[in-house]
Amino acid sequence: MTIIGVDPGLKGAFAVMVEDKLTQLVSMPVQTFEMSTKTKSGKTKQKSMIDGAAVRKFLKQFPRNHETEIVIELVGVRFGDGGVSMFNFGEGFGLLKGIFIGMGFKFCQVRPAAWTKAMGLNYSETNAYNPADIVAPNMFPDVDFRRTPRCQLRDEGFCDAALIAEFLRRIRVEETERALRSAATGDPK
């Protein structure tokens, strides 16, 4: 089974797991375009958004059947986020979901509280800004979580996407084991 974990957002990422191996980490493709408005200094404003065509091109390599499943983080409004930024984030989130549906992929959504708890992330017990950048490399020691070789820090989007994919993989393994036990004993539980 192939599982694709998605950390949505302009700094997000895709993490691909085949069986129990993390095989790919891909930055969220982003495109920037000029807007018709100008800044106070007279420069043309620019807007960045998820590049839907590039996402579609990336996903074309995966079969669209029961062997591939996508899991995307279902992020809500956070205290302090502005309305415009949340609207833009929601626009990108909706674009991703539309691509998944349009391409015929099976997908599910997971709230941050669910996957972070299951992966053992505790934001109150660590000095790290993002504990995922500690947990993910420990879980996948052979994977480089830096966005580029020149980066000194692990990428938050890569770490989150990998743990989101691992979260769904564990759920699917539990479901399979439960079904096998049920078939062996005749007990539906």
N, C-alpha and C. Protein backbone atom coordinates (compact mmCIF):
# COMPACT_ATOMS: atom_id res chain seq x y z
N MET A 1 0.84 -1.18 0.00
CA MET A 1 0.00 0.00 0.00
C MET A 1 0.88 1.25 0.00
N THR A 2 0.46 2.26 -0.73
CA THR A 2 1.14 3.55 -0.76
C THR A 2 0.27 4.57 -0.03
N ILE A 3 0.89 5.27 0.89
CA ILE A 3 0.21 6.33 1.63
C ILE A 3 0.95 7.63 1.38
N ILE A 4 0.20 8.67 1.05
CA ILE A 4 0.78 9.99 0.83
C ILE A 4 0.26 10.92 1.92
N GLY A 5 1.15 11.36 2.79
CA GLY A 5 0.80 12.31 3.84
C GLY A 5 0.98 13.73 3.31
N VAL A 6 0.02 14.59 3.61
CA VAL A 6 0.06 15.96 3.09
C VAL A 6 -0.03 16.96 4.24
N ASP A 7 0.99 17.80 4.32
CA ASP A 7 0.95 18.96 5.20
C ASP A 7 0.59 20.13 4.29
N PRO A 8 -0.67 20.60 4.34
CA PRO A 8 -1.10 21.63 3.39
C PRO A 8 -0.49 22.99 3.73
N GLY A 9 -0.52 23.86 2.79
CA GLY A 9 0.02 25.20 3.01
C GLY A 9 1.19 25.46 2.09
N LEU A 10 1.55 26.72 1.96
CA LEU A 10 2.62 27.10 1.04
C LEU A 10 3.97 26.53 1.46
N LYS A 11 4.17 26.30 2.74
CA LYS A 11 5.43 25.70 3.22
C LYS A 11 5.25 24.24 3.57
N GLY A 12 4.17 23.65 3.08
CA GLY A 12 3.85 22.25 3.36
C GLY A 12 4.65 21.30 2.50
N ALA A 13 4.21 20.03 2.53
CA ALA A 13 4.96 19.01 1.80
C ALA A 13 4.10 17.77 1.61
N PHE A 14 4.61 16.88 0.75
CA PHE A 14 4.06 15.56 0.54
C PHE A 14 5.10 14.55 1.04
N ALA A 15 4.64 13.53 1.76
CA ALA A 15 5.52 12.44 2.18
C ALA A 15 4.91 11.14 1.66
N VAL A 16 5.69 10.36 0.94
CA VAL A 16 5.20 9.12 0.34
C VAL A 16 5.77 7.93 1.11
N MET A 17 4.87 7.07 1.55
CA MET A 17 5.27 5.83 2.22
C MET A 17 4.80 4.66 1.39
N VAL A 18 5.70 3.74 1.11
CA VAL A 18 5.36 2.49 0.44
C VAL A 18 5.59 1.40 1.48
N GLU A 19 4.51 0.71 1.82
CA GLU A 19 4.52 -0.24 2.94
C GLU A 19 4.94 0.53 4.20
N ASP A 20 6.08 0.21 4.80
CA ASP A 20 6.50 0.94 6.00
C ASP A 20 7.75 1.79 5.76
N LYS A 21 8.07 2.05 4.51
CA LYS A 21 9.26 2.84 4.16
C LYS A 21 8.87 4.22 3.64
N LEU A 22 9.52 5.23 4.16
CA LEU A 22 9.33 6.60 3.68
C LEU A 22 10.22 6.75 2.45
N THR A 23 9.60 6.90 1.27
CA THR A 23 10.36 6.86 0.01
C THR A 23 10.57 8.23 -0.63
N GLN A 24 9.69 9.20 -0.37
CA GLN A 24 9.82 10.52 -1.00
C GLN A 24 9.34 11.61 -0.05
N LEU A 25 10.04 12.73 -0.09
CA LEU A 25 9.59 13.97 0.54
C LEU A 25 9.63 15.04 -0.55
N VAL A 26 8.51 15.69 -0.77
CA VAL A 26 8.41 16.68 -1.85
C VAL A 26 7.79 17.95 -1.30
N SER A 27 8.46 19.07 -1.55
CA SER A 27 7.94 20.38 -1.14
C SER A 27 6.64 20.68 -1.87
N MET A 28 5.76 21.38 -1.19
CA MET A 28 4.51 21.81 -1.83
C MET A 28 4.86 22.74 -2.99
N PRO A 29 4.42 22.41 -4.20
CA PRO A 29 4.72 23.30 -5.33
C PRO A 29 3.95 24.61 -5.20
N VAL A 30 4.63 25.70 -5.41
CA VAL A 30 4.03 27.03 -5.24
C VAL A 30 4.30 27.86 -6.49
N GLN A 31 3.32 28.64 -6.88
CA GLN A 31 3.50 29.58 -7.98
C GLN A 31 3.22 30.99 -7.46
N THR A 32 3.94 31.95 -8.00
CA THR A 32 3.78 33.35 -7.62
C THR A 32 3.36 34.13 -8.86
N PHE A 33 2.39 34.99 -8.68
CA PHE A 33 1.93 35.80 -9.80
C PHE A 33 1.70 37.23 -9.35
N GLU A 34 1.72 38.12 -10.31
CA GLU A 34 1.51 39.54 -10.02
C GLU A 34 0.02 39.84 -9.95
N MET A 35 -0.32 40.71 -9.01
CA MET A 35 -1.70 41.14 -8.87
C MET A 35 -1.88 42.48 -9.57
N SER A 36 -3.11 42.90 -9.72
CA SER A 36 -3.38 44.16 -10.42
C SER A 36 -3.21 45.37 -9.50
N THR A 37 -3.01 45.14 -8.20
CA THR A 37 -2.87 46.25 -7.25
C THR A 37 -1.40 46.55 -7.00
N LYS A 38 -1.16 47.72 -6.47
CA LYS A 38 0.21 48.17 -6.19
C LYS A 38 0.36 48.40 -4.69
N THR A 39 1.61 48.31 -4.23
CA THR A 39 1.92 48.65 -2.84
C THR A 39 1.98 50.17 -2.70
N LYS A 40 2.13 50.65 -1.49
CA LYS A 40 2.23 52.10 -1.27
C LYS A 40 3.45 52.69 -1.96
N SER A 41 4.49 51.88 -2.10
CA SER A 41 5.70 52.38 -2.76
C SER A 41 5.61 52.29 -4.29
N GLY A 42 4.49 51.77 -4.80
CA GLY A 42 4.30 51.72 -6.24
C GLY A 42 4.68 50.40 -6.89
N LYS A 43 5.17 49.44 -6.11
CA LYS A 43 5.54 48.13 -6.67
C LYS A 43 4.28 47.29 -6.85
N THR A 44 4.32 46.43 -7.84
CA THR A 44 3.20 45.53 -8.09
C THR A 44 3.17 44.46 -7.00
N LYS A 45 1.99 44.24 -6.42
CA LYS A 45 1.86 43.20 -5.39
C LYS A 45 1.94 41.83 -6.03
N GLN A 46 2.49 40.89 -5.27
CA GLN A 46 2.57 39.51 -5.73
C GLN A 46 1.84 38.61 -4.74
N LYS A 47 1.30 37.52 -5.26
CA LYS A 47 0.60 36.55 -4.43
C LYS A 47 1.14 35.17 -4.75
N SER A 48 1.35 34.37 -3.73
CA SER A 48 1.78 32.99 -3.91
C SER A 48 0.62 32.07 -3.60
N MET A 49 0.54 30.99 -4.34
CA MET A 49 -0.50 30.00 -4.09
C MET A 49 0.01 28.63 -4.53
N ILE A 50 -0.67 27.60 -4.08
CA ILE A 50 -0.29 26.23 -4.45
C ILE A 50 -0.46 26.07 -5.96
N ASP A 51 0.54 25.46 -6.58
CA ASP A 51 0.53 25.23 -8.01
C ASP A 51 -0.21 23.92 -8.29
N GLY A 52 -1.49 24.03 -8.62
CA GLY A 52 -2.33 22.85 -8.84
C GLY A 52 -1.84 21.95 -9.96
N ALA A 53 -1.34 22.54 -11.04
CA ALA A 53 -0.84 21.73 -12.16
C ALA A 53 0.36 20.90 -11.74
N ALA A 54 1.24 21.48 -10.94
CA ALA A 54 2.42 20.74 -10.47
C ALA A 54 2.02 19.63 -9.49
N VAL A 55 1.03 19.90 -8.64
CA VAL A 55 0.54 18.86 -7.72
C VAL A 55 -0.02 17.70 -8.52
N ARG A 56 -0.83 18.02 -9.51
CA ARG A 56 -1.43 16.99 -10.36
C ARG A 56 -0.34 16.17 -11.07
N LYS A 57 0.68 16.83 -11.58
CA LYS A 57 1.77 16.14 -12.26
C LYS A 57 2.49 15.19 -11.29
N PHE A 58 2.73 15.65 -10.06
CA PHE A 58 3.37 14.81 -9.05
C PHE A 58 2.52 13.57 -8.75
N LEU A 59 1.21 13.76 -8.60
CA LEU A 59 0.33 12.66 -8.21
C LEU A 59 0.09 11.65 -9.34
N LYS A 60 0.33 12.03 -10.57
CA LYS A 60 0.09 11.13 -11.71
C LYS A 60 0.92 9.85 -11.64
N GLN A 61 2.02 9.88 -10.90
CA GLN A 61 2.89 8.69 -10.81
C GLN A 61 2.29 7.58 -9.96
N PHE A 62 1.22 7.88 -9.22
CA PHE A 62 0.64 6.90 -8.30
C PHE A 62 -0.65 6.32 -8.87
N PRO A 63 -0.85 5.00 -8.68
CA PRO A 63 -2.09 4.40 -9.17
C PRO A 63 -3.29 4.91 -8.37
N ARG A 64 -4.39 5.11 -9.06
CA ARG A 64 -5.61 5.59 -8.40
C ARG A 64 -6.53 4.39 -8.16
N ASN A 65 -6.16 3.59 -7.18
CA ASN A 65 -6.97 2.44 -6.79
C ASN A 65 -6.86 2.28 -5.28
N HIS A 66 -7.30 1.15 -4.78
CA HIS A 66 -7.29 0.92 -3.34
C HIS A 66 -5.88 0.81 -2.76
N GLU A 67 -4.87 0.75 -3.61
CA GLU A 67 -3.49 0.63 -3.14
C GLU A 67 -2.85 1.97 -2.78
N THR A 68 -3.48 3.08 -3.14
CA THR A 68 -2.94 4.40 -2.83
C THR A 68 -3.98 5.19 -2.04
N GLU A 69 -3.55 5.74 -0.94
CA GLU A 69 -4.45 6.57 -0.12
C GLU A 69 -3.72 7.83 0.31
N ILE A 70 -4.43 8.93 0.27
CA ILE A 70 -3.86 10.23 0.67
C ILE A 70 -4.49 10.63 1.99
N VAL A 71 -3.67 11.17 2.88
CA VAL A 71 -4.18 11.72 4.14
C VAL A 71 -3.68 13.16 4.25
N ILE A 72 -4.62 14.07 4.45
CA ILE A 72 -4.29 15.49 4.52
C ILE A 72 -4.66 16.03 5.90
N GLU A 73 -3.82 16.89 6.41
CA GLU A 73 -4.07 17.49 7.72
C GLU A 73 -5.23 18.48 7.60
N LEU A 74 -6.21 18.33 8.47
CA LEU A 74 -7.39 19.20 8.49
C LEU A 74 -7.14 20.31 9.51
N VAL A 75 -6.55 21.38 9.03
CA VAL A 75 -6.16 22.48 9.90
C VAL A 75 -7.29 23.48 10.01
N GLY A 76 -7.52 23.97 11.20
CA GLY A 76 -8.56 24.98 11.42
C GLY A 76 -7.94 26.34 11.71
N VAL A 77 -8.78 27.24 12.08
CA VAL A 77 -8.35 28.60 12.41
C VAL A 77 -7.55 28.58 13.71
N ARG A 78 -6.45 29.33 13.73
CA ARG A 78 -5.65 29.45 14.94
C ARG A 78 -5.76 30.87 15.46
N PHE A 79 -5.67 31.01 16.76
CA PHE A 79 -5.72 32.32 17.38
C PHE A 79 -4.61 33.20 16.82
N GLY A 80 -4.96 34.40 16.42
CA GLY A 80 -3.98 35.35 15.92
C GLY A 80 -3.84 35.37 14.41
N ASP A 81 -4.40 34.36 13.73
CA ASP A 81 -4.33 34.36 12.27
C ASP A 81 -5.34 35.35 11.71
N GLY A 82 -4.94 36.08 10.71
CA GLY A 82 -5.82 37.05 10.08
C GLY A 82 -6.81 36.39 9.14
N GLY A 83 -7.89 37.08 8.87
CA GLY A 83 -8.93 36.56 7.99
C GLY A 83 -8.44 36.30 6.58
N VAL A 84 -7.65 37.20 6.05
CA VAL A 84 -7.15 37.05 4.67
C VAL A 84 -6.22 35.85 4.58
N SER A 85 -5.33 35.70 5.55
CA SER A 85 -4.40 34.57 5.49
C SER A 85 -5.15 33.25 5.64
N MET A 86 -6.17 33.21 6.49
CA MET A 86 -6.95 31.98 6.64
C MET A 86 -7.75 31.68 5.39
N PHE A 87 -8.26 32.72 4.73
CA PHE A 87 -8.98 32.52 3.48
C PHE A 87 -8.03 31.93 2.43
N ASN A 88 -6.83 32.48 2.33
CA ASN A 88 -5.85 31.98 1.36
C ASN A 88 -5.46 30.54 1.67
N PHE A 89 -5.29 30.23 2.95
CA PHE A 89 -4.95 28.86 3.33
C PHE A 89 -6.09 27.92 2.94
N GLY A 90 -7.32 28.32 3.24
CA GLY A 90 -8.48 27.51 2.89
C GLY A 90 -8.62 27.31 1.40
N GLU A 91 -8.26 28.33 0.64
CA GLU A 91 -8.29 28.24 -0.81
C GLU A 91 -7.33 27.14 -1.29
N GLY A 92 -6.12 27.11 -0.73
CA GLY A 92 -5.14 26.08 -1.09
C GLY A 92 -5.58 24.70 -0.65
N PHE A 93 -6.16 24.61 0.55
CA PHE A 93 -6.65 23.34 1.08
C PHE A 93 -7.74 22.79 0.17
N GLY A 94 -8.67 23.66 -0.23
CA GLY A 94 -9.75 23.25 -1.13
C GLY A 94 -9.22 22.83 -2.49
N LEU A 95 -8.20 23.52 -2.98
CA LEU A 95 -7.59 23.16 -4.26
C LEU A 95 -7.01 21.75 -4.18
N LEU A 96 -6.30 21.45 -3.11
CA LEU A 96 -5.72 20.11 -2.94
C LEU A 96 -6.81 19.04 -2.90
N LYS A 97 -7.85 19.27 -2.11
CA LYS A 97 -8.95 18.30 -2.04
C LYS A 97 -9.61 18.11 -3.40
N GLY A 98 -9.80 19.20 -4.13
CA GLY A 98 -10.39 19.11 -5.46
C GLY A 98 -9.54 18.28 -6.41
N ILE A 99 -8.24 18.44 -6.32
CA ILE A 99 -7.32 17.64 -7.15
C ILE A 99 -7.43 16.16 -6.78
N PHE A 100 -7.43 15.86 -5.49
CA PHE A 100 -7.54 14.46 -5.05
C PHE A 100 -8.83 13.83 -5.58
N ILE A 101 -9.94 14.55 -5.41
CA ILE A 101 -11.23 14.04 -5.86
C ILE A 101 -11.26 13.92 -7.39
N GLY A 102 -10.81 14.97 -8.07
CA GLY A 102 -10.83 14.97 -9.53
C GLY A 102 -9.98 13.87 -10.14
N MET A 103 -8.89 13.52 -9.48
CA MET A 103 -8.02 12.46 -10.00
C MET A 103 -8.45 11.06 -9.55
N GLY A 104 -9.46 11.00 -8.69
CA GLY A 104 -9.99 9.71 -8.26
C GLY A 104 -9.23 9.03 -7.14
N PHE A 105 -8.51 9.80 -6.33
CA PHE A 105 -7.78 9.21 -5.21
C PHE A 105 -8.69 9.05 -4.00
N LYS A 106 -8.46 7.96 -3.27
CA LYS A 106 -9.09 7.78 -1.97
C LYS A 106 -8.31 8.68 -1.02
N PHE A 107 -9.02 9.49 -0.22
CA PHE A 107 -8.31 10.33 0.73
C PHE A 107 -9.12 10.50 2.00
N CYS A 108 -8.42 10.86 3.07
CA CYS A 108 -9.08 11.16 4.33
C CYS A 108 -8.40 12.38 4.95
N GLN A 109 -9.04 12.92 5.95
CA GLN A 109 -8.53 14.11 6.63
C GLN A 109 -8.28 13.76 8.10
N VAL A 110 -7.26 14.36 8.69
CA VAL A 110 -6.96 14.11 10.09
C VAL A 110 -6.67 15.44 10.78
N ARG A 111 -7.25 15.60 11.94
CA ARG A 111 -7.01 16.82 12.71
C ARG A 111 -5.63 16.77 13.35
N PRO A 112 -4.99 17.93 13.49
CA PRO A 112 -3.65 17.95 14.09
C PRO A 112 -3.60 17.31 15.48
N ALA A 113 -4.62 17.53 16.29
CA ALA A 113 -4.62 16.97 17.64
C ALA A 113 -4.57 15.44 17.62
N ALA A 114 -5.23 14.82 16.64
CA ALA A 114 -5.26 13.36 16.57
C ALA A 114 -3.90 12.79 16.19
N TRP A 115 -3.30 13.30 15.11
CA TRP A 115 -2.04 12.69 14.68
C TRP A 115 -0.88 13.06 15.59
N THR A 116 -0.87 14.28 16.14
CA THR A 116 0.24 14.65 17.02
C THR A 116 0.22 13.82 18.30
N LYS A 117 -0.97 13.57 18.83
CA LYS A 117 -1.07 12.75 20.05
C LYS A 117 -0.63 11.32 19.76
N ALA A 118 -1.10 10.76 18.65
CA ALA A 118 -0.75 9.38 18.31
C ALA A 118 0.74 9.21 18.02
N MET A 119 1.38 10.24 17.51
CA MET A 119 2.81 10.17 17.18
C MET A 119 3.69 10.56 18.36
N GLY A 120 3.07 10.87 19.50
CA GLY A 120 3.84 11.17 20.71
C GLY A 120 4.41 12.57 20.78
N LEU A 121 3.81 13.50 20.03
CA LEU A 121 4.30 14.88 20.09
C LEU A 121 3.64 15.59 21.26
N ASN A 122 4.45 16.19 22.09
CA ASN A 122 3.92 16.94 23.22
C ASN A 122 4.55 18.33 23.17
N TYR A 123 3.76 19.29 22.78
CA TYR A 123 4.28 20.64 22.60
C TYR A 123 4.60 21.34 23.92
N SER A 124 4.11 20.81 25.03
CA SER A 124 4.39 21.47 26.30
C SER A 124 5.65 20.95 26.97
N GLU A 125 6.15 19.78 26.56
CA GLU A 125 7.30 19.18 27.23
C GLU A 125 8.62 19.37 26.50
N THR A 126 8.66 20.20 25.51
CA THR A 126 9.90 20.34 24.74
C THR A 126 10.23 21.81 24.53
N ASN A 127 11.49 22.08 24.39
CA ASN A 127 11.91 23.44 24.08
C ASN A 127 11.90 23.70 22.58
N ALA A 128 11.74 22.64 21.80
CA ALA A 128 11.74 22.79 20.34
C ALA A 128 10.49 23.52 19.90
N TYR A 129 10.64 24.33 18.89
CA TYR A 129 9.50 25.04 18.31
C TYR A 129 8.52 24.02 17.74
N ASN A 130 9.04 23.00 17.09
CA ASN A 130 8.22 21.97 16.50
C ASN A 130 8.78 20.60 16.87
N PRO A 131 8.15 19.90 17.82
CA PRO A 131 8.69 18.60 18.24
C PRO A 131 8.71 17.56 17.13
N ALA A 132 7.94 17.77 16.04
CA ALA A 132 7.97 16.83 14.92
C ALA A 132 9.36 16.74 14.32
N ASP A 133 10.13 17.82 14.41
CA ASP A 133 11.48 17.78 13.83
C ASP A 133 12.45 16.97 14.69
N ILE A 134 11.99 16.51 15.83
CA ILE A 134 12.78 15.59 16.65
C ILE A 134 12.25 14.17 16.48
N VAL A 135 10.94 14.01 16.50
CA VAL A 135 10.32 12.68 16.42
C VAL A 135 10.51 12.05 15.05
N ALA A 136 10.26 12.80 13.96
CA ALA A 136 10.33 12.23 12.61
C ALA A 136 11.72 11.66 12.29
N PRO A 137 12.82 12.39 12.55
CA PRO A 137 14.14 11.80 12.26
C PRO A 137 14.46 10.58 13.11
N ASN A 138 13.91 10.51 14.33
CA ASN A 138 14.11 9.32 15.16
C ASN A 138 13.34 8.14 14.60
N MET A 139 12.16 8.39 14.04
CA MET A 139 11.33 7.35 13.47
C MET A 139 11.87 6.86 12.12
N PHE A 140 12.46 7.79 11.37
CA PHE A 140 13.01 7.49 10.04
C PHE A 140 14.46 7.96 9.98
N PRO A 141 15.38 7.25 10.64
CA PRO A 141 16.76 7.74 10.76
C PRO A 141 17.53 7.83 9.45
N ASP A 142 17.08 7.12 8.43
CA ASP A 142 17.80 7.15 7.14
C ASP A 142 17.34 8.26 6.21
N VAL A 143 16.38 9.07 6.66
CA VAL A 143 15.80 10.10 5.80
C VAL A 143 16.35 11.47 6.18
N ASP A 144 16.70 12.24 5.16
CA ASP A 144 17.17 13.62 5.35
C ASP A 144 15.95 14.55 5.28
N PHE A 145 15.62 15.20 6.36
CA PHE A 145 14.44 16.05 6.43
C PHE A 145 14.73 17.51 6.11
N ARG A 146 15.89 17.79 5.56
CA ARG A 146 16.20 19.16 5.15
C ARG A 146 15.60 19.40 3.77
N ARG A 147 15.14 20.62 3.53
CA ARG A 147 14.53 20.94 2.23
C ARG A 147 15.56 20.90 1.11
N THR A 148 16.77 21.35 1.39
CA THR A 148 17.87 21.27 0.42
C THR A 148 19.12 20.86 1.20
N PRO A 149 20.14 20.35 0.51
CA PRO A 149 21.38 19.97 1.20
C PRO A 149 22.06 21.13 1.92
N ARG A 150 21.81 22.35 1.48
CA ARG A 150 22.43 23.51 2.13
C ARG A 150 21.72 23.93 3.42
N CYS A 151 20.50 23.48 3.61
CA CYS A 151 19.75 23.84 4.82
C CYS A 151 20.42 23.24 6.06
N GLN A 152 20.42 23.99 7.14
CA GLN A 152 20.97 23.48 8.38
C GLN A 152 19.90 22.86 9.27
N LEU A 153 18.66 23.28 9.10
CA LEU A 153 17.57 22.80 9.94
C LEU A 153 16.66 21.84 9.17
N ARG A 154 16.03 20.96 9.91
CA ARG A 154 15.03 20.07 9.31
C ARG A 154 13.81 20.89 8.94
N ASP A 155 13.14 20.47 7.88
CA ASP A 155 11.97 21.19 7.41
C ASP A 155 10.71 20.74 8.15
N GLU A 156 9.98 21.69 8.70
CA GLU A 156 8.77 21.39 9.45
C GLU A 156 7.72 20.69 8.58
N GLY A 157 7.57 21.15 7.33
CA GLY A 157 6.60 20.53 6.43
C GLY A 157 6.94 19.08 6.13
N PHE A 158 8.22 18.79 5.89
CA PHE A 158 8.64 17.41 5.64
C PHE A 158 8.36 16.53 6.85
N CYS A 159 8.74 17.03 8.03
CA CYS A 159 8.55 16.24 9.26
C CYS A 159 7.07 15.97 9.52
N ASP A 160 6.25 17.02 9.40
CA ASP A 160 4.81 16.85 9.63
C ASP A 160 4.19 15.89 8.62
N ALA A 161 4.50 16.06 7.35
CA ALA A 161 3.92 15.19 6.32
C ALA A 161 4.30 13.73 6.55
N ALA A 162 5.55 13.48 6.94
CA ALA A 162 6.00 12.11 7.21
C ALA A 162 5.23 11.50 8.37
N LEU A 163 5.04 12.27 9.43
CA LEU A 163 4.32 11.75 10.60
C LEU A 163 2.84 11.57 10.31
N ILE A 164 2.27 12.43 9.47
CA ILE A 164 0.86 12.28 9.08
C ILE A 164 0.69 10.98 8.29
N ALA A 165 1.61 10.70 7.38
CA ALA A 165 1.56 9.45 6.61
C ALA A 165 1.73 8.24 7.53
N GLU A 166 2.67 8.31 8.46
CA GLU A 166 2.89 7.21 9.41
C GLU A 166 1.66 6.99 10.29
N PHE A 167 0.99 8.06 10.66
CA PHE A 167 -0.25 7.97 11.45
C PHE A 167 -1.28 7.10 10.72
N LEU A 168 -1.52 7.40 9.44
CA LEU A 168 -2.50 6.62 8.68
C LEU A 168 -2.02 5.19 8.46
N ARG A 169 -0.73 5.01 8.23
CA ARG A 169 -0.21 3.65 8.04
C ARG A 169 -0.49 2.79 9.26
N ARG A 170 -0.27 3.33 10.45
CA ARG A 170 -0.53 2.58 11.68
C ARG A 170 -2.00 2.23 11.82
N ILE A 171 -2.87 3.16 11.47
CA ILE A 171 -4.31 2.89 11.53
C ILE A 171 -4.68 1.76 10.59
N ARG A 172 -4.17 1.78 9.36
CA ARG A 172 -4.48 0.75 8.37
C ARG A 172 -3.91 -0.61 8.81
N VAL A 173 -2.75 -0.63 9.41
CA VAL A 173 -2.18 -1.89 9.92
C VAL A 173 -3.07 -2.46 11.02
N GLU A 174 -3.52 -1.61 11.96
CA GLU A 174 -4.42 -2.05 13.03
C GLU A 174 -5.71 -2.61 12.46
N GLU A 175 -6.28 -1.93 11.46
CA GLU A 175 -7.52 -2.40 10.84
C GLU A 175 -7.33 -3.77 10.18
N THR A 176 -6.22 -3.96 9.50
CA THR A 176 -5.93 -5.23 8.84
C THR A 176 -5.76 -6.34 9.86
N GLU A 177 -5.01 -6.06 10.93
CA GLU A 177 -4.81 -7.07 11.98
C GLU A 177 -6.13 -7.44 12.64
N ARG A 178 -6.97 -6.43 12.87
CA ARG A 178 -8.29 -6.67 13.48
C ARG A 178 -9.14 -7.55 12.55
N ALA A 179 -9.11 -7.27 11.26
CA ALA A 179 -9.89 -8.07 10.29
C ALA A 179 -9.38 -9.50 10.22
N LEU A 180 -8.06 -9.68 10.27
CA LEU A 180 -7.50 -11.03 10.24
C LEU A 180 -7.87 -11.81 11.49
N ARG A 181 -7.81 -11.17 12.66
CA ARG A 181 -8.21 -11.83 13.91
C ARG A 181 -9.68 -12.22 13.85
N SER A 182 -10.49 -11.33 13.34
CA SER A 182 -11.92 -11.58 13.23
C SER A 182 -12.19 -12.75 12.31
N ALA A 183 -11.50 -12.81 11.19
CA ALA A 183 -11.69 -13.91 10.24
C ALA A 183 -11.22 -15.24 10.84
N ALA A 184 -10.15 -15.21 11.62
CA ALA A 184 -9.61 -16.43 12.20
C ALA A 184 -10.49 -16.96 13.33
N THR A 185 -11.08 -16.06 14.11
CA THR A 185 -11.89 -16.49 15.26
C THR A 185 -13.37 -16.49 14.99
N GLY A 186 -13.79 -15.86 13.92
CA GLY A 186 -15.22 -15.76 13.63
C GLY A 186 -15.92 -14.69 14.45
N ASP A 187 -15.14 -13.96 15.25
CA ASP A 187 -15.68 -12.89 16.09
C ASP A 187 -15.59 -11.57 15.32
N PRO A 188 -16.69 -10.86 15.11
CA PRO A 188 -16.66 -9.62 14.32
C PRO A 188 -15.92 -8.47 14.98
N LYS A 189 -15.54 -8.60 16.24
CA LYS A 189 -14.85 -7.51 16.94
C LYS A 189 -13.43 -7.59 16.66
